[in-house]
Protein backbone atom coordinates (compact mmCIF):
# COMPACT_ATOMS: atom_id res chain seq x y z
CA UNK A 1 -10.36 16.33 23.53
CA UNK A 2 -6.60 15.34 23.75
CA UNK A 3 -7.02 11.75 23.21
CA UNK A 4 -9.23 12.70 20.05
CA UNK A 5 -6.59 14.72 18.80
CA UNK A 6 -3.88 11.90 19.19
CA UNK A 7 -6.03 9.31 17.80
CA UNK A 8 -6.81 11.73 14.73
CA UNK A 9 -2.96 12.46 14.13
CA UNK A 10 -2.04 8.85 14.46
CA UNK A 11 -4.87 7.92 12.15
CA UNK A 12 -4.05 10.33 9.47
CA UNK A 13 -0.19 9.20 9.60
CA UNK A 14 -1.35 5.46 9.42
CA UNK A 15 -3.56 6.46 6.67
CA UNK A 16 -0.85 7.93 4.82
CA UNK A 17 0.86 4.74 4.70
CA UNK A 18 -2.01 2.87 3.65
CA UNK A 19 -2.67 5.28 0.84
CA UNK A 20 1.02 4.33 -0.30
CA UNK A 21 0.14 0.70 -0.40
CA UNK A 22 -3.24 1.23 -1.89
CA UNK A 23 -1.70 3.38 -4.57
CA UNK A 24 0.26 0.17 -5.66
CA UNK A 25 -3.09 -1.72 -5.97
CA UNK A 26 -4.57 1.26 -8.02
CA UNK A 27 -1.57 1.86 -10.71
CA UNK A 28 -1.26 -2.03 -11.12
CA UNK A 29 -5.08 -2.44 -11.83
CA UNK A 30 -5.16 0.76 -14.02
CA UNK A 31 -1.93 -0.41 -16.09
CA UNK A 32 -2.84 -4.05 -16.66
CA UNK A 33 -6.46 -4.46 -15.17
CA UNK A 34 -4.99 -7.02 -12.64
CA UNK A 35 -5.82 -6.84 -8.86
CA UNK A 36 -2.45 -7.60 -7.59
CA UNK A 37 -2.62 -9.50 -4.08
CA UNK A 38 1.30 -9.50 -3.65
CA UNK A 39 1.49 -6.10 -2.18
CA UNK A 40 1.39 -7.75 1.32
CA UNK A 41 4.36 -10.01 0.43
CA UNK A 42 6.38 -7.31 -0.97
CA UNK A 43 5.87 -5.22 1.92
CA UNK A 44 7.10 -7.82 4.02
CA UNK A 45 9.98 -8.34 1.94
CA UNK A 46 10.88 -4.64 1.88
CA UNK A 47 10.97 -4.71 5.55
CA UNK A 48 13.00 -7.76 5.85
CA UNK A 49 15.66 -6.49 3.28
CA UNK A 50 15.95 -3.40 5.10
CA UNK A 51 16.33 -4.92 8.33
CA UNK A 52 18.85 -7.58 7.32
CA UNK A 53 21.23 -5.44 5.09
CA UNK A 54 21.34 -2.58 7.99
CA UNK A 55 23.26 -4.86 10.04
CA UNK A 56 26.11 -4.88 7.37
CA UNK A 57 26.05 -1.86 5.30
CA UNK A 58 24.03 0.86 7.62
CA UNK A 59 20.60 2.35 7.44
CA UNK A 60 20.72 4.59 4.34
CA UNK A 61 22.26 2.18 2.08
CA UNK A 62 20.14 -0.70 3.44
CA UNK A 63 17.03 1.63 2.75
CA UNK A 64 17.93 2.11 -0.75
CA UNK A 65 18.77 -1.40 -1.41
CA UNK A 66 15.60 -2.77 0.51
CA UNK A 67 13.48 -0.67 -1.91
CA UNK A 68 15.38 -1.39 -5.05
CA UNK A 69 15.00 -5.19 -4.30
CA UNK A 70 11.49 -5.06 -3.63
CA UNK A 71 10.89 -3.07 -6.77
CA UNK A 72 13.02 -5.65 -8.61
CA UNK A 73 11.08 -8.70 -7.25
CA UNK A 74 7.98 -6.85 -8.40
CA UNK A 75 9.48 -6.23 -11.98
CA UNK A 76 10.27 -9.86 -12.18
CA UNK A 77 6.74 -10.90 -11.30
CA UNK A 78 5.49 -8.77 -14.04
CA UNK A 79 7.85 -9.59 -16.57
CA UNK A 80 7.81 -13.59 -15.84
CA UNK A 81 4.26 -14.28 -14.94
CA UNK A 82 1.82 -11.40 -15.49
CA UNK A 83 3.17 -10.38 -19.04
CA UNK A 84 3.43 -13.89 -20.23
CA UNK A 85 -0.26 -14.44 -19.33
CA UNK A 86 -1.53 -11.15 -20.81
CA UNK A 87 -4.96 -11.38 -22.31
CA UNK A 88 -5.95 -14.15 -19.60
CA UNK A 89 -9.21 -13.70 -17.57
CA UNK A 90 -9.04 -11.14 -15.13
CA UNK A 91 -10.03 -13.55 -12.24
CA UNK A 92 -7.28 -15.87 -13.53
CA UNK A 93 -4.67 -13.10 -13.00
CA UNK A 94 -5.72 -12.18 -9.78
CA UNK A 95 -5.60 -15.95 -8.78
CA UNK A 96 -2.17 -16.34 -9.71
CA UNK A 97 -0.84 -13.14 -8.02
CA UNK A 98 -2.36 -14.94 -4.79
CA UNK A 99 -0.23 -17.81 -5.57
CA UNK A 100 2.95 -15.79 -6.03
CA UNK A 101 2.06 -13.83 -2.82
CA UNK A 102 1.90 -17.06 -1.09
CA UNK A 103 5.08 -18.46 -2.24
CA UNK A 104 6.84 -15.04 -1.31
CA UNK A 105 5.04 -14.82 2.11
CA UNK A 106 6.01 -18.74 3.03
CA UNK A 107 9.65 -17.88 2.20
CA UNK A 108 9.51 -14.63 4.29
CA UNK A 109 8.07 -16.24 7.19
CA UNK A 110 10.52 -19.03 7.13
CA UNK A 111 13.62 -16.60 7.22
CA UNK A 112 12.31 -14.60 9.89
CA UNK A 113 10.89 -17.39 12.09
CA UNK A 114 9.54 -16.38 15.74
CA UNK A 115 11.99 -13.41 15.75
CA UNK A 116 11.44 -9.71 15.63
CA UNK A 117 13.90 -8.01 13.42
CA UNK A 118 15.02 -4.40 14.50
CA UNK A 119 15.61 -1.71 11.78
CA UNK A 120 17.88 0.77 13.19
CA UNK A 121 15.92 3.85 12.43
CA UNK A 122 17.98 6.91 13.38
CA UNK A 123 14.88 8.76 15.07
CA UNK A 124 14.35 5.45 17.09
CA UNK A 125 11.57 5.53 19.43
CA UNK A 126 11.51 9.43 19.96
CA UNK A 127 8.43 11.23 20.16
CA UNK A 128 7.06 14.74 19.48
CA UNK A 129 4.52 16.97 20.89
CA UNK A 130 2.02 18.85 18.44
CA UNK A 131 0.43 21.13 21.11
CA UNK A 132 -0.90 18.95 24.13
CA UNK A 133 -0.67 15.67 21.93
CA UNK A 134 2.26 13.39 21.78
CA UNK A 135 3.04 11.49 18.66
CA UNK A 136 5.82 9.27 17.39
CA UNK A 137 8.63 10.79 15.43
CA UNK A 138 8.43 7.94 13.30
CA UNK A 139 4.72 8.30 12.39
CA UNK A 140 5.63 12.40 11.92
CA UNK A 141 8.34 11.49 9.57
CA UNK A 142 6.17 8.77 7.92
CA UNK A 143 3.44 11.39 7.14
CA UNK A 144 5.92 13.80 5.62
CA UNK A 145 7.48 11.56 3.42
CA UNK A 146 4.15 10.11 2.33
CA UNK A 147 2.91 13.45 1.52
CA UNK A 148 5.94 14.42 -0.47
CA UNK A 149 5.79 10.76 -2.35
CA UNK A 150 2.34 11.04 -2.97
CA UNK A 151 2.41 14.39 -4.34
CA UNK A 152 5.58 13.47 -6.72
CA UNK A 153 3.61 10.52 -7.94
CA UNK A 154 0.85 12.71 -8.84
CA UNK A 155 2.73 15.16 -10.48
CA UNK A 156 4.36 12.40 -12.55
CA UNK A 157 1.32 10.78 -13.36
CA UNK A 158 -0.37 14.07 -14.65
CA UNK A 159 2.84 15.52 -16.67
CA UNK A 160 5.32 12.61 -17.44
CA UNK A 161 4.95 10.73 -20.63
CA UNK A 162 4.57 7.48 -18.57
CA UNK A 163 1.69 8.86 -16.71
CA UNK A 164 0.01 10.14 -19.97
CA UNK A 165 0.56 6.74 -21.63
CA UNK A 166 -0.81 5.03 -18.44
CA UNK A 167 -4.01 7.27 -18.32
CA UNK A 168 -4.47 6.35 -22.15
CA UNK A 169 -3.99 2.64 -21.60
CA UNK A 170 -6.48 3.02 -18.72
CA UNK A 171 -9.06 4.94 -20.85
CA UNK A 172 -8.92 2.83 -23.94
CA UNK A 173 -6.20 0.08 -24.25
CA UNK A 174 -6.61 -0.61 -27.70
CA UNK A 175 -6.62 2.93 -28.89
CA UNK A 176 -3.43 3.59 -26.89
CA UNK A 177 -1.91 0.78 -28.59
CA UNK A 178 -2.68 2.00 -31.91
CA UNK A 179 -0.99 5.31 -31.22
CA UNK A 180 1.96 3.64 -30.24
CA UNK A 181 1.75 3.32 -26.53
CA UNK A 182 3.79 0.07 -25.46
CA UNK A 183 1.37 -1.49 -22.59
CA UNK A 184 3.90 -3.89 -21.86
CA UNK A 185 6.36 -1.04 -20.85
CA UNK A 186 3.70 0.69 -18.99
CA UNK A 187 2.84 -2.37 -17.12
CA UNK A 188 6.31 -3.01 -16.06
CA UNK A 189 7.10 0.63 -14.76
CA UNK A 190 3.72 0.30 -12.77
CA UNK A 191 4.79 -2.89 -11.07
CA UNK A 192 8.00 -1.19 -10.25
CA UNK A 193 6.41 1.94 -8.90
CA UNK A 194 4.27 -0.36 -6.64
CA UNK A 195 7.28 -2.00 -5.36
CA UNK A 196 8.87 1.12 -4.52
CA UNK A 197 5.77 2.36 -2.63
CA UNK A 198 5.72 -0.95 -0.67
CA UNK A 199 9.38 -0.31 0.35
CA UNK A 200 8.81 2.94 1.41
CA UNK A 201 5.80 2.04 3.64
CA UNK A 202 7.55 -1.06 5.00
CA UNK A 203 10.07 1.49 6.30
CA UNK A 204 7.93 3.44 8.63
CA UNK A 205 5.54 0.16 9.41
CA UNK A 206 8.11 -1.34 11.33
CA UNK A 207 8.94 1.62 13.46
CA UNK A 208 7.49 2.88 16.68
CA UNK A 209 5.14 2.04 17.93
CA UNK A 210 5.53 -1.26 16.17
CA UNK A 211 8.31 -3.27 17.52
CA UNK A 212 9.96 -4.27 14.47
CA UNK A 213 9.68 -6.95 11.48
CA UNK A 214 7.62 -9.81 12.16
CA UNK A 215 5.14 -11.75 9.80
CA UNK A 216 2.45 -9.86 11.06
CA UNK A 217 3.59 -6.69 9.06
CA UNK A 218 1.97 -8.61 6.17
CA UNK A 219 -1.21 -8.04 7.49
CA UNK A 220 -1.11 -4.37 7.21
CA UNK A 221 -1.47 -4.49 3.43
CA UNK A 222 -4.88 -6.21 4.19
CA UNK A 223 -5.65 -2.96 5.50
CA UNK A 224 -4.77 -1.00 2.49
CA UNK A 225 -6.67 -3.52 0.00
CA UNK A 226 -9.93 -2.05 1.54
CA UNK A 227 -8.80 1.34 1.26
CA UNK A 228 -8.23 1.12 -2.43
CA UNK A 229 -11.52 -0.69 -3.23
CA UNK A 230 -13.08 2.02 -0.94
CA UNK A 231 -11.59 4.81 -3.00
CA UNK A 232 -11.96 3.14 -6.32
CA UNK A 233 -9.66 0.57 -7.63
CA UNK A 234 -9.12 2.86 -10.89
CA UNK A 235 -8.63 6.04 -8.91
CA UNK A 236 -5.29 7.16 -7.67
CA UNK A 237 -6.95 10.05 -5.63
CA UNK A 238 -9.53 7.66 -4.08
CA UNK A 239 -6.52 5.58 -2.87
CA UNK A 240 -5.58 9.01 -0.97
CA UNK A 241 -8.86 9.56 0.45
CA UNK A 242 -9.59 5.76 1.22
CA UNK A 243 -6.23 5.41 2.99
CA UNK A 244 -6.98 8.18 4.90
CA UNK A 245 -10.46 7.25 5.87
CA UNK A 246 -9.30 3.69 6.85
CA UNK A 247 -6.42 4.82 9.08
CA UNK A 248 -8.48 7.27 10.87
CA UNK A 249 -11.63 4.80 11.33
CA UNK A 250 -8.92 1.87 12.54
CA UNK A 251 -6.98 4.54 14.94
CA UNK A 252 -10.43 5.67 16.50
CA UNK A 253 -11.72 2.11 16.93
CA UNK A 254 -8.42 1.04 18.79
CA UNK A 255 -8.65 4.38 20.92
CA UNK A 256 -12.36 3.91 21.77
CA UNK A 257 -12.39 0.27 22.21
CA UNK A 258 -13.71 0.33 25.52
CA UNK A 259 -16.57 2.45 24.43
CA UNK A 260 -17.51 -0.12 21.70
CA UNK A 261 -16.72 -3.19 23.63
CA UNK A 262 -20.35 -4.30 22.78
CA UNK A 263 -19.16 -4.99 19.29
CA UNK A 264 -16.55 -7.30 20.45
CA UNK A 265 -13.22 -7.27 21.37
CA UNK A 266 -10.55 -6.78 18.25
CA UNK A 267 -13.26 -4.96 16.52
CA UNK A 268 -10.57 -2.40 15.34
CA UNK A 269 -8.75 -4.95 13.06
CA UNK A 270 -11.97 -5.47 11.04
CA UNK A 271 -12.97 -1.76 10.96
CA UNK A 272 -11.43 -1.24 7.60
CA UNK A 273 -13.54 -4.07 6.13
CA UNK A 274 -16.76 -2.62 7.93
CA UNK A 275 -16.18 0.66 6.50
CA UNK A 276 -15.69 -0.59 2.87
CA UNK A 277 -18.62 -2.60 3.09
CA UNK A 278 -20.67 0.40 4.29
CA UNK A 279 -19.60 2.73 1.57
CA UNK A 280 -19.89 -0.26 -1.25
CA UNK A 281 -23.49 -0.51 -0.20
CA UNK A 282 -24.19 2.89 -1.15
CA UNK A 283 -21.27 3.27 -4.14
CA UNK A 284 -20.58 -0.38 -5.57
CA UNK A 285 -17.74 1.36 -7.56
CA UNK A 286 -16.28 3.07 -4.76
CA UNK A 287 -15.90 6.68 -3.67
CA UNK A 288 -14.11 7.74 -6.97
CA UNK A 289 -14.30 4.95 -8.92
CA UNK A 290 -15.59 4.72 -12.54
CA UNK A 291 -19.04 3.18 -12.90
CA UNK A 292 -19.28 0.76 -15.87
CA UNK A 293 -22.40 0.98 -18.16
CA UNK A 294 -23.53 -1.89 -20.10
CA UNK A 295 -26.18 -1.68 -22.84
CA UNK A 296 -28.87 -4.63 -22.61
């Protein structure tokens, strides 16, 4: 039971980080109907920036600078590329984001090389005990921060003028434009928020039990994409539920890998996609996604 509790807590904390990244996918899709594949490279950019800045200006300023830089790069992608291609086919925009992702990722891999960069978290590799279960302090703080950020996001999404504008644009873009809502501004803010979420998630993903910043951090976003799709790409609440489900499933698969060895070694790394496919076979639009009805 102790092992199960530990795996469950680790899965929830990992799932909260997945939810942060998945929210980035969702809000970009809701604001511009673009499936952005740049979240992985933005995540790596955020982690790399925090690690590099920390050497010269300290942890807290480096954290703020890293998040700001990630948000700025996300905004530049939207302003210089996505905004100029507004009206293009959705599949074309998705392919463009893949190209941008590859460019940023290649530059990050070149800069990092074979090194593992350290982010000097004040809590370092400390752990905390919850009952009889031990858990990395980094993951505990990550869970608390992620819960706070997600809560603030939902409040802003429901009550702020930007949230109202985004919901209106997602419901009916043409009607929203006629009502004076500037969809370009809504899209720009959505990309900024997605960049901020990626920067925050990056801080904790490179802490204990992860050794530090390396190109493998990029693959974490690949687990967050199934979380966004599983919950429904147009559902912010679905991103939270999907992130938690994927995080718990991945932690359980890794913890009980000996019991599921018949499925093959490394099965835990593909669990997010297995869960996603299992759900999509039953609900093609995701758990909370909007079903599109077409008259024929």
